[in-house]
């Protein structure tokens, strides 16, 4: 792809503080990606009012007006057919080829449903997944699914492993990512039957995946694996538990310093360490979960993020577009017949 062609579609009305945060995020992202052009879908008057703070935006942003948008409380079934919302129009721009990726901080369920309906699931992929990079003590790892599918078959989990492997290679630049299935124990007999079957499928994909077996939740932060595969229900709970624990530690650290005279005295010496830790754990740096397995790149930004967090979602989307991530998944999945592998495993079991 020519760098001059990179266009990202933005749901300007999605998120808790839109369109202000969205416009500010676009302005920040453009500093690191001066080649990107943006299509902003939303209330033109409100978007242009925010753009007044950044006069330079007019040269690389086009605003497409609509006064309808998806609310956080809307059910996917209520909005999926409304072609006039900013979310629908932003996603449809990718289908039409007017943009190479779409980003929204709006309703997750609606974004998933509309993206799947408009962009369609890739051939040979049964279900798309929500995926993102999360930090551990040695760096970062890829984790999926994080909420798109509350129940998954062995085939789904095997597909997620293949997709996660590609994503880790591209975003984390790991030549041979270690892939693990999230489970309640590392022993072979632990966990549900579909997890056991998925393990067999991953081992027999003929894609030379570096499958290391099962991983327990407490091992995620230890950096045991580069790709962690789970059903959406378990993955979402694990992710939110990690986020809550990070906030708990930060809060306890602040509270302890306030209550301790010795800690206050030593604070000037601790500040560099505290700031370095805070920077590394900053959730804004990992903003931008991708719906992978679709015929187009759809990215979900956290609804409550600020401009910096939104800019990271844009940066991540741009990186994947430049690496032709969607086509890479399509090409690699083409080499394996997961349905056939599934039948072989079921034959072995029964």
Protein backbone atom coordinates (compact mmCIF):
# COMPACT_ATOMS: atom_id res chain seq x y z
CA UNK A 1 0.00 0.00 0.00
CA UNK A 2 1.20 3.49 -0.84
CA UNK A 3 1.57 5.52 2.33
CA UNK A 4 -0.31 8.37 0.63
CA UNK A 5 -3.41 6.15 0.46
CA UNK A 6 -3.75 5.49 4.19
CA UNK A 7 -7.23 6.57 5.27
CA UNK A 8 -8.83 5.80 8.63
CA UNK A 9 -12.55 6.10 9.25
CA UNK A 10 -13.60 7.53 12.63
CA UNK A 11 -16.87 7.27 14.52
CA UNK A 12 -16.62 10.80 15.91
CA UNK A 13 -19.66 10.41 18.17
CA UNK A 14 -18.58 7.20 19.92
CA UNK A 15 -17.29 7.32 23.51
CA UNK A 16 -18.03 9.12 26.75
CA UNK A 17 -16.57 12.49 25.76
CA UNK A 18 -17.05 12.65 22.03
CA UNK A 19 -16.41 14.40 19.79
CA UNK A 20 -13.88 16.36 21.89
CA UNK A 21 -11.64 13.43 22.84
CA UNK A 22 -11.90 11.98 19.33
CA UNK A 23 -10.79 15.19 17.63
CA UNK A 24 -7.97 15.74 20.12
CA UNK A 25 -6.86 12.13 19.63
CA UNK A 26 -6.79 12.54 15.87
CA UNK A 27 -4.66 15.67 16.24
CA UNK A 28 -2.17 13.82 18.48
CA UNK A 29 -2.02 10.75 16.23
CA UNK A 30 -1.32 12.83 13.16
CA UNK A 31 1.95 14.04 14.67
CA UNK A 32 3.27 10.46 14.54
CA UNK A 33 1.44 9.58 11.31
CA UNK A 34 1.58 12.63 9.02
CA UNK A 35 0.59 10.49 6.01
CA UNK A 36 -2.85 9.51 7.36
CA UNK A 37 -6.07 11.12 6.21
CA UNK A 38 -9.23 10.80 8.30
CA UNK A 39 -12.94 10.53 7.60
CA UNK A 40 -14.87 11.78 10.63
CA UNK A 41 -18.52 10.71 10.78
CA UNK A 42 -20.80 12.61 13.15
CA UNK A 43 -22.60 15.83 13.96
CA UNK A 44 -20.82 18.26 11.65
CA UNK A 45 -21.45 21.34 13.79
CA UNK A 46 -20.11 19.70 16.95
CA UNK A 47 -17.11 18.15 15.21
CA UNK A 48 -16.14 21.37 13.44
CA UNK A 49 -16.46 23.29 16.70
CA UNK A 50 -13.87 21.00 18.29
CA UNK A 51 -11.67 21.20 15.20
CA UNK A 52 -11.37 24.97 15.65
CA UNK A 53 -8.78 24.25 18.37
CA UNK A 54 -6.62 22.51 15.76
CA UNK A 55 -6.72 24.50 12.49
CA UNK A 56 -4.28 22.07 10.85
CA UNK A 57 -6.89 19.29 10.94
CA UNK A 58 -8.75 20.75 7.95
CA UNK A 59 -5.93 19.71 5.63
CA UNK A 60 -6.23 15.99 6.36
CA UNK A 61 -9.72 15.51 7.84
CA UNK A 62 -13.06 15.26 6.06
CA UNK A 63 -16.25 15.52 8.11
CA UNK A 64 -19.31 13.57 6.92
CA UNK A 65 -22.47 14.74 8.66
CA UNK A 66 -25.04 12.65 10.46
CA UNK A 67 -27.05 13.61 13.51
CA UNK A 68 -27.70 9.99 14.51
CA UNK A 69 -25.35 7.93 16.64
CA UNK A 70 -25.28 4.76 18.75
CA UNK A 71 -25.80 5.29 22.48
CA UNK A 72 -23.99 3.20 25.11
CA UNK A 73 -27.27 1.74 26.35
CA UNK A 74 -28.53 0.76 22.88
CA UNK A 75 -28.89 -2.94 22.17
CA UNK A 76 -27.16 -4.19 19.00
CA UNK A 77 -30.49 -5.50 17.69
CA UNK A 78 -31.91 -1.96 17.89
CA UNK A 79 -29.19 -0.23 15.84
CA UNK A 80 -27.75 -2.86 13.52
CA UNK A 81 -30.03 -1.92 10.62
CA UNK A 82 -29.84 1.86 11.04
CA UNK A 83 -27.57 2.96 8.20
CA UNK A 84 -27.58 6.59 9.31
CA UNK A 85 -25.61 6.33 12.56
CA UNK A 86 -22.04 7.59 12.72
CA UNK A 87 -20.88 4.09 13.68
CA UNK A 88 -22.60 2.37 10.75
CA UNK A 89 -21.38 4.96 8.24
CA UNK A 90 -17.80 4.79 9.55
CA UNK A 91 -17.71 0.99 9.23
CA UNK A 92 -19.35 1.10 5.80
CA UNK A 93 -16.55 3.37 4.57
CA UNK A 94 -14.18 0.41 5.00
CA UNK A 95 -16.49 -1.89 3.06
CA UNK A 96 -16.68 0.62 0.23
CA UNK A 97 -12.90 0.92 0.12
CA UNK A 98 -12.90 4.58 1.16
CA UNK A 99 -10.90 3.73 4.30
CA UNK A 100 -8.59 0.91 5.37
CA UNK A 101 -9.65 0.80 9.04
CA UNK A 102 -12.42 2.05 11.32
CA UNK A 103 -12.12 3.17 14.94
CA UNK A 104 -14.92 3.70 17.42
CA UNK A 105 -15.07 4.26 21.18
CA UNK A 106 -18.78 3.52 21.16
CA UNK A 107 -21.00 0.62 22.20
CA UNK A 108 -18.90 -2.58 21.96
CA UNK A 109 -21.78 -4.93 21.18
CA UNK A 110 -23.10 -2.67 18.46
CA UNK A 111 -19.65 -2.19 16.94
CA UNK A 112 -19.11 -5.93 16.85
CA UNK A 113 -22.53 -6.68 15.37
CA UNK A 114 -22.40 -3.96 12.70
CA UNK A 115 -18.79 -4.74 11.78
CA UNK A 116 -19.63 -8.40 11.35
CA UNK A 117 -22.72 -7.63 9.29
CA UNK A 118 -21.04 -5.12 6.98
CA UNK A 119 -17.47 -6.41 6.69
CA UNK A 120 -18.38 -10.12 6.90
CA UNK A 121 -16.33 -12.86 8.51
CA UNK A 122 -13.40 -14.20 6.51
CA UNK A 123 -13.85 -17.41 4.61
CA UNK A 124 -12.74 -20.37 6.78
CA UNK A 125 -13.06 -18.24 9.94
CA UNK A 126 -16.17 -19.15 11.90
CA UNK A 127 -16.17 -16.31 14.45
CA UNK A 128 -14.25 -13.06 14.79
CA UNK A 129 -12.59 -12.27 18.12
CA UNK A 130 -11.69 -9.22 20.17
CA UNK A 131 -7.93 -9.03 20.60
CA UNK A 132 -5.42 -6.67 22.17
CA UNK A 133 -1.86 -6.48 23.51
CA UNK A 134 -1.46 -6.58 27.28
CA UNK A 135 1.68 -5.99 29.37
CA UNK A 136 3.58 -8.55 31.41
CA UNK A 137 6.83 -8.26 33.37
CA UNK A 138 9.04 -8.92 30.32
CA UNK A 139 7.11 -6.98 27.69
CA UNK A 140 3.73 -7.65 26.08
CA UNK A 141 1.60 -10.51 24.86
CA UNK A 142 -1.44 -10.92 22.61
CA UNK A 143 -4.70 -12.09 24.19
CA UNK A 144 -7.96 -13.17 22.55
CA UNK A 145 -10.95 -13.53 22.73
CA UNK A 146 -11.80 -10.72 25.12
CA UNK A 147 -15.56 -10.67 24.88
CA UNK A 148 -16.89 -11.22 21.37
CA UNK A 149 -17.85 -14.87 21.96
CA UNK A 150 -18.97 -15.99 25.42
CA UNK A 151 -18.95 -19.63 24.31
CA UNK A 152 -16.39 -21.13 21.93
CA UNK A 153 -15.89 -24.49 20.28
CA UNK A 154 -12.51 -26.15 19.79
CA UNK A 155 -12.49 -24.90 16.18
CA UNK A 156 -13.01 -21.31 17.37
CA UNK A 157 -10.15 -21.55 19.84
CA UNK A 158 -7.84 -23.05 17.21
CA UNK A 159 -8.70 -20.20 14.83
CA UNK A 160 -7.93 -17.69 17.57
CA UNK A 161 -4.51 -19.32 18.04
CA UNK A 162 -3.71 -18.89 14.35
CA UNK A 163 -4.88 -15.28 14.32
CA UNK A 164 -3.03 -14.48 17.56
CA UNK A 165 0.16 -16.00 16.15
CA UNK A 166 0.00 -13.66 13.16
CA UNK A 167 -0.80 -10.67 15.35
CA UNK A 168 2.13 -11.34 17.71
CA UNK A 169 4.49 -11.59 14.76
CA UNK A 170 3.31 -8.25 13.41
CA UNK A 171 2.66 -6.10 16.45
CA UNK A 172 5.22 -7.56 18.87
CA UNK A 173 7.78 -8.55 16.23
CA UNK A 174 8.24 -12.02 17.73
CA UNK A 175 9.50 -14.47 15.13
CA UNK A 176 8.08 -17.60 16.77
CA UNK A 177 5.42 -16.65 19.35
CA UNK A 178 4.68 -19.03 22.21
CA UNK A 179 0.98 -19.92 22.14
CA UNK A 180 -0.96 -21.10 25.20
CA UNK A 181 -4.58 -21.90 26.03
CA UNK A 182 -5.92 -20.22 29.16
CA UNK A 183 -7.05 -22.95 31.55
CA UNK A 184 -7.67 -23.68 35.22
CA UNK A 185 -4.51 -25.78 35.41
CA UNK A 186 -1.45 -26.80 33.43
CA UNK A 187 -2.17 -30.53 33.68
CA UNK A 188 -3.47 -32.34 30.59
CA UNK A 189 -6.69 -33.51 32.30
CA UNK A 190 -7.68 -30.05 33.62
CA UNK A 191 -10.34 -27.90 31.98
CA UNK A 192 -13.27 -28.38 29.61
CA UNK A 193 -13.28 -30.87 26.76
CA UNK A 194 -13.29 -28.18 24.04
CA UNK A 195 -10.00 -26.87 25.43
CA UNK A 196 -8.47 -30.34 25.19
CA UNK A 197 -9.73 -30.70 21.62
CA UNK A 198 -8.45 -27.24 20.70
CA UNK A 199 -5.00 -28.23 21.96
CA UNK A 200 -5.01 -31.23 19.62
CA UNK A 201 -6.12 -29.08 16.70
CA UNK A 202 -3.45 -26.45 17.28
CA UNK A 203 -0.78 -29.16 17.38
CA UNK A 204 -2.03 -30.58 14.07
CA UNK A 205 -2.55 -27.44 11.94
CA UNK A 206 0.69 -28.08 10.00
CA UNK A 207 1.49 -24.38 10.40
CA UNK A 208 4.38 -25.12 12.76
CA UNK A 209 2.80 -23.15 15.60
CA UNK A 210 4.86 -22.89 18.78
CA UNK A 211 2.17 -24.29 21.07
CA UNK A 212 3.36 -24.65 24.67
CA UNK A 213 0.18 -26.04 26.22
CA UNK A 214 -1.98 -24.55 28.98
CA UNK A 215 -1.43 -21.40 31.01
CA UNK A 216 -3.08 -20.44 34.30
CA UNK A 217 -4.36 -16.89 34.89
CA UNK A 218 -1.63 -15.98 37.40
CA UNK A 219 1.04 -16.84 34.80
CA UNK A 220 -0.15 -14.21 32.31
CA UNK A 221 1.76 -11.43 34.07
CA UNK A 222 4.86 -13.63 34.30
CA UNK A 223 5.36 -13.64 30.54
CA UNK A 224 5.04 -17.41 30.04
CA UNK A 225 3.36 -16.97 26.64
CA UNK A 226 3.23 -14.50 23.77
CA UNK A 227 -0.28 -15.47 22.63
CA UNK A 228 -3.00 -16.36 25.14
CA UNK A 229 -6.15 -17.98 23.76
CA UNK A 230 -9.47 -18.09 25.59
CA UNK A 231 -13.21 -17.97 25.07
CA UNK A 232 -14.63 -14.45 25.31
CA UNK A 233 -16.32 -14.93 28.69
CA UNK A 234 -13.16 -16.13 30.46
CA UNK A 235 -10.89 -13.72 28.60
CA UNK A 236 -13.02 -10.69 29.43
CA UNK A 237 -13.12 -11.59 33.13
CA UNK A 238 -9.35 -12.18 33.18
CA UNK A 239 -8.65 -8.84 31.49
CA UNK A 240 -10.95 -6.85 33.79
CA UNK A 241 -9.48 -8.59 36.84
CA UNK A 242 -6.00 -7.52 35.73
CA UNK A 243 -7.18 -3.96 35.15
CA UNK A 244 -8.82 -3.87 38.58
CA UNK A 245 -5.71 -5.26 40.25
CA UNK A 246 -3.55 -2.60 38.59
CA UNK A 247 -5.86 0.13 39.87
CA UNK A 248 -5.85 -1.46 43.35
CA UNK A 249 -2.04 -1.47 43.50
CA UNK A 250 -1.84 2.13 42.31
CA UNK A 251 -4.44 3.23 44.86
CA UNK A 252 -2.77 1.37 47.71
CA UNK A 253 0.60 2.87 46.82
CA UNK A 254 -0.82 6.40 46.89
CA UNK A 255 -2.64 5.74 50.17
CA UNK A 256 0.46 4.28 51.82
CA UNK A 257 2.62 7.25 50.82
CA UNK A 258 0.06 9.71 52.19
CA UNK A 259 -0.08 7.93 55.55
CA UNK A 260 3.66 7.39 56.03
CA UNK A 261 5.97 10.23 57.08
CA UNK A 262 9.02 8.17 56.09
CA UNK A 263 7.52 7.50 52.66
CA UNK A 264 6.93 11.23 52.16
CA UNK A 265 10.52 11.99 53.13
CA UNK A 266 11.83 9.38 50.70
CA UNK A 267 9.38 10.28 47.94
CA UNK A 268 11.84 12.50 45.97
CA UNK A 269 14.15 9.50 45.62
CA UNK A 270 11.28 7.19 44.63
CA UNK A 271 9.66 9.49 42.07
CA UNK A 272 11.74 8.33 39.05
CA UNK A 273 10.84 4.72 39.82
CA UNK A 274 7.16 5.55 40.41
CA UNK A 275 6.91 7.52 37.17
CA UNK A 276 8.63 4.76 35.20
CA UNK A 277 6.24 2.17 36.64
CA UNK A 278 3.23 4.36 35.97
CA UNK A 279 4.31 4.91 32.37
CA UNK A 280 4.77 1.18 31.79
CA UNK A 281 1.39 0.30 33.33
CA UNK A 282 -0.49 3.17 31.66
CA UNK A 283 -3.57 1.48 30.10
CA UNK A 284 -3.80 4.21 27.47
CA UNK A 285 -0.73 2.77 25.76
CA UNK A 286 -2.62 -0.48 25.13
CA UNK A 287 -5.85 1.11 23.95
CA UNK A 288 -7.38 -0.20 20.76
CA UNK A 289 -8.79 -3.73 20.79
CA UNK A 290 -9.20 -5.24 17.32
CA UNK A 291 -12.04 -7.30 15.92
CA UNK A 292 -9.97 -9.86 14.06
CA UNK A 293 -11.23 -12.39 11.53
CA UNK A 294 -13.26 -9.88 9.51
CA UNK A 295 -12.74 -8.72 5.93
CA UNK A 296 -11.66 -5.33 7.20
CA UNK A 297 -9.98 -3.80 10.22
CA UNK A 298 -12.36 -2.64 12.97
CA UNK A 299 -10.84 -1.24 16.17
CA UNK A 300 -12.57 -0.61 19.49
CA UNK A 301 -11.20 2.20 21.63
CA UNK A 302 -12.05 2.30 25.34
CA UNK A 303 -15.11 4.49 25.77
CA UNK A 304 -13.67 6.45 28.68
CA UNK A 305 -10.18 7.02 27.30
CA UNK A 306 -8.62 10.44 26.86
CA UNK A 307 -7.03 11.97 23.76
CA UNK A 308 -3.70 10.22 24.31
CA UNK A 309 -5.40 6.84 24.63
CA UNK A 310 -7.42 7.47 21.48
CA UNK A 311 -4.27 8.41 19.60
CA UNK A 312 -2.71 5.06 20.57
CA UNK A 313 -5.74 3.26 19.10
CA UNK A 314 -5.15 5.14 15.85
CA UNK A 315 -1.42 4.38 15.92
CA UNK A 316 -2.09 0.66 16.41
CA UNK A 317 -4.65 0.57 13.61
CA UNK A 318 -2.29 2.39 11.23
CA UNK A 319 0.52 -0.05 11.98
CA UNK A 320 -1.67 -3.05 11.16
CA UNK A 321 -2.93 -1.45 7.95
CA UNK A 322 0.64 -0.80 6.80
CA UNK A 323 1.50 -4.43 7.50
CA UNK A 324 -1.50 -5.64 5.48
CA UNK A 325 -2.68 -7.54 8.53
CA UNK A 326 -6.13 -8.55 7.23
CA UNK A 327 -4.76 -10.09 4.03
CA UNK A 328 -2.01 -11.85 5.97
CA UNK A 329 -4.59 -13.61 8.16
CA UNK A 330 -6.63 -14.52 5.09
CA UNK A 331 -3.59 -16.01 3.35
CA UNK A 332 -2.41 -18.02 6.36
CA UNK A 333 -5.83 -19.43 7.23
CA UNK A 334 -6.15 -20.53 3.61
CA UNK A 335 -3.45 -23.16 4.23
CA UNK A 336 -5.36 -25.05 6.91
CA UNK A 337 -8.73 -26.81 6.96
CA UNK A 338 -9.89 -26.50 10.55
CA UNK A 339 -13.19 -28.25 9.85
CA UNK A 340 -11.30 -31.31 8.64
CA UNK A 341 -9.04 -31.21 11.70
CA UNK A 342 -12.12 -30.97 13.90
CA UNK A 343 -13.62 -34.08 12.33
CA UNK A 344 -10.35 -35.99 12.79
CA UNK A 345 -10.24 -35.09 16.49
CA UNK A 346 -13.87 -36.02 17.08
CA UNK A 347 -13.20 -39.33 15.34
CA UNK A 348 -10.26 -39.97 17.67
CA UNK A 349 -12.34 -39.09 20.74
CA UNK A 350 -15.35 -41.24 19.88
